[in-house]
Amino acid sequence: MRPYDMIRRAEPDLKGLGITAETPDGEVIKAMVDHPSIIQRPIVEVRDRAALARPIEKALEII
């Protein structure tokens, strides 16, 4: 999963940042750090795996 896959594309804070699917991962991560409201939630982590739990059934895939 790329960082772009973990952002809320409809989030108003994302508008104006110029983030697209082609934006380098490092720039997307910096935007996520600077604007945490653009991060999809919840993210579930189990051992060395993580999943964006939307829908919640996705979390069951790594448990």
C-alpha atoms as a PDB file:
ATOM      1  CA  MET A   1       0.000   0.000   0.000  1.00  0.00           C
ATOM      2  CA  ARG A   2       1.348   3.403  -0.960  1.00  0.00           C
ATOM      3  CA  PRO A   3       0.914   6.476   1.234  1.00  0.00           C
ATOM      4  CA  TYR A   4      -1.450   7.959  -1.377  1.00  0.00           C
ATOM      5  CA  ASP A   5      -3.794   5.018  -0.775  1.00  0.00           C
ATOM      6  CA  MET A   6      -4.080   6.102   2.867  1.00  0.00           C
ATOM      7  CA  ILE A   7      -5.327   9.653   2.349  1.00  0.00           C
ATOM      8  CA  ARG A   8      -8.870  10.981   2.472  1.00  0.00           C
ATOM      9  CA  ARG A   9      -9.254  12.389  -1.036  1.00  0.00           C
ATOM     10  CA  ALA A  10     -12.472  14.271  -0.174  1.00  0.00           C
ATOM     11  CA  GLU A  11     -10.930  16.004   2.859  1.00  0.00           C
ATOM     12  CA  PRO A  12     -11.098  19.814   2.505  1.00  0.00           C
ATOM     13  CA  ASP A  13      -7.551  20.132   3.919  1.00  0.00           C
ATOM     14  CA  LEU A  14      -6.281  18.098   0.946  1.00  0.00           C
ATOM     15  CA  LYS A  15      -7.551  20.652  -1.542  1.00  0.00           C
ATOM     16  CA  GLY A  16      -4.774  23.007  -2.539  1.00  0.00           C
ATOM     17  CA  LEU A  17      -1.957  20.663  -1.531  1.00  0.00           C
ATOM     18  CA  GLY A  18      -1.610  19.388  -5.093  1.00  0.00           C
ATOM     19  CA  ILE A  19      -1.394  15.748  -4.006  1.00  0.00           C
ATOM     20  CA  THR A  20      -2.121  13.259  -6.813  1.00  0.00           C
ATOM     21  CA  ALA A  21      -1.474   9.560  -7.411  1.00  0.00           C
ATOM     22  CA  GLU A  22       1.755  10.615  -9.147  1.00  0.00           C
ATOM     23  CA  THR A  23       3.053  12.617  -6.166  1.00  0.00           C
ATOM     24  CA  PRO A  24       6.228  11.000  -4.769  1.00  0.00           C
ATOM     25  CA  ASP A  25       5.613   8.985  -1.594  1.00  0.00           C
ATOM     26  CA  GLY A  26       7.903  11.233   0.443  1.00  0.00           C
ATOM     27  CA  GLU A  27       5.856  14.318  -0.409  1.00  0.00           C
ATOM     28  CA  VAL A  28       2.611  12.519   0.438  1.00  0.00           C
ATOM     29  CA  ILE A  29       4.043  11.428   3.798  1.00  0.00           C
ATOM     30  CA  LYS A  30       5.155  14.999   4.548  1.00  0.00           C
ATOM     31  CA  ALA A  31       1.630  16.229   3.755  1.00  0.00           C
ATOM     32  CA  MET A  32       0.223  13.539   6.071  1.00  0.00           C
ATOM     33  CA  VAL A  33       2.523  14.689   8.886  1.00  0.00           C
ATOM     34  CA  ASP A  34       1.709  18.362   8.316  1.00  0.00           C
ATOM     35  CA  HIS A  35      -2.048  17.737   7.854  1.00  0.00           C
ATOM     36  CA  PRO A  36      -3.072  14.610   9.842  1.00  0.00           C
ATOM     37  CA  SER A  37      -6.743  15.194   9.007  1.00  0.00           C
ATOM     38  CA  ILE A  38      -6.069  13.866   5.482  1.00  0.00           C
ATOM     39  CA  ILE A  39      -5.131  10.394   6.808  1.00  0.00           C
ATOM     40  CA  GLN A  40      -7.730   7.636   6.403  1.00  0.00           C
ATOM     41  CA  ARG A  41      -8.608   5.960   9.689  1.00  0.00           C
ATOM     42  CA  PRO A  42      -8.567   3.530  11.341  1.00  0.00           C
ATOM     43  CA  ILE A  43      -5.255   1.899  10.504  1.00  0.00           C
ATOM     44  CA  VAL A  44      -4.867  -1.439  12.274  1.00  0.00           C
ATOM     45  CA  GLU A  45      -1.392  -2.854  12.917  1.00  0.00           C
ATOM     46  CA  VAL A  46      -0.725  -6.472  13.903  1.00  0.00           C
ATOM     47  CA  ARG A  47       2.892  -7.560  14.240  1.00  0.00           C
ATOM     48  CA  ASP A  48       4.624  -6.539  10.998  1.00  0.00           C
ATOM     49  CA  ARG A  49       1.433  -5.930   8.990  1.00  0.00           C
ATOM     50  CA  ALA A  50      -0.949  -3.009   8.773  1.00  0.00           C
ATOM     51  CA  ALA A  51      -4.277  -2.453   7.042  1.00  0.00           C
ATOM     52  CA  LEU A  52      -6.578   0.442   6.420  1.00  0.00           C
ATOM     53  CA  ALA A  53      -9.658  -0.893   8.184  1.00  0.00           C
ATOM     54  CA  ARG A  54     -12.305   0.546   5.870  1.00  0.00           C
ATOM     55  CA  PRO A  55     -14.540  -1.314   5.850  1.00  0.00           C
ATOM     56  CA  ILE A  56     -13.740  -2.837   9.244  1.00  0.00           C
ATOM     57  CA  GLU A  57     -13.662  -6.315   7.682  1.00  0.00           C
ATOM     58  CA  LYS A  58     -10.304  -5.359   6.144  1.00  0.00           C
ATOM     59  CA  ALA A  59      -8.816  -5.512   9.659  1.00  0.00           C
ATOM     60  CA  LEU A  60      -9.865  -9.145   9.921  1.00  0.00           C
ATOM     61  CA  GLU A  61      -7.590  -9.972   6.970  1.00  0.00           C
ATOM     62  CA  ILE A  62      -4.472  -9.348   9.076  1.00  0.00           C
ATOM     63  CA  ILE A  63      -5.662 -10.689  12.431  1.00  0.00           C
END
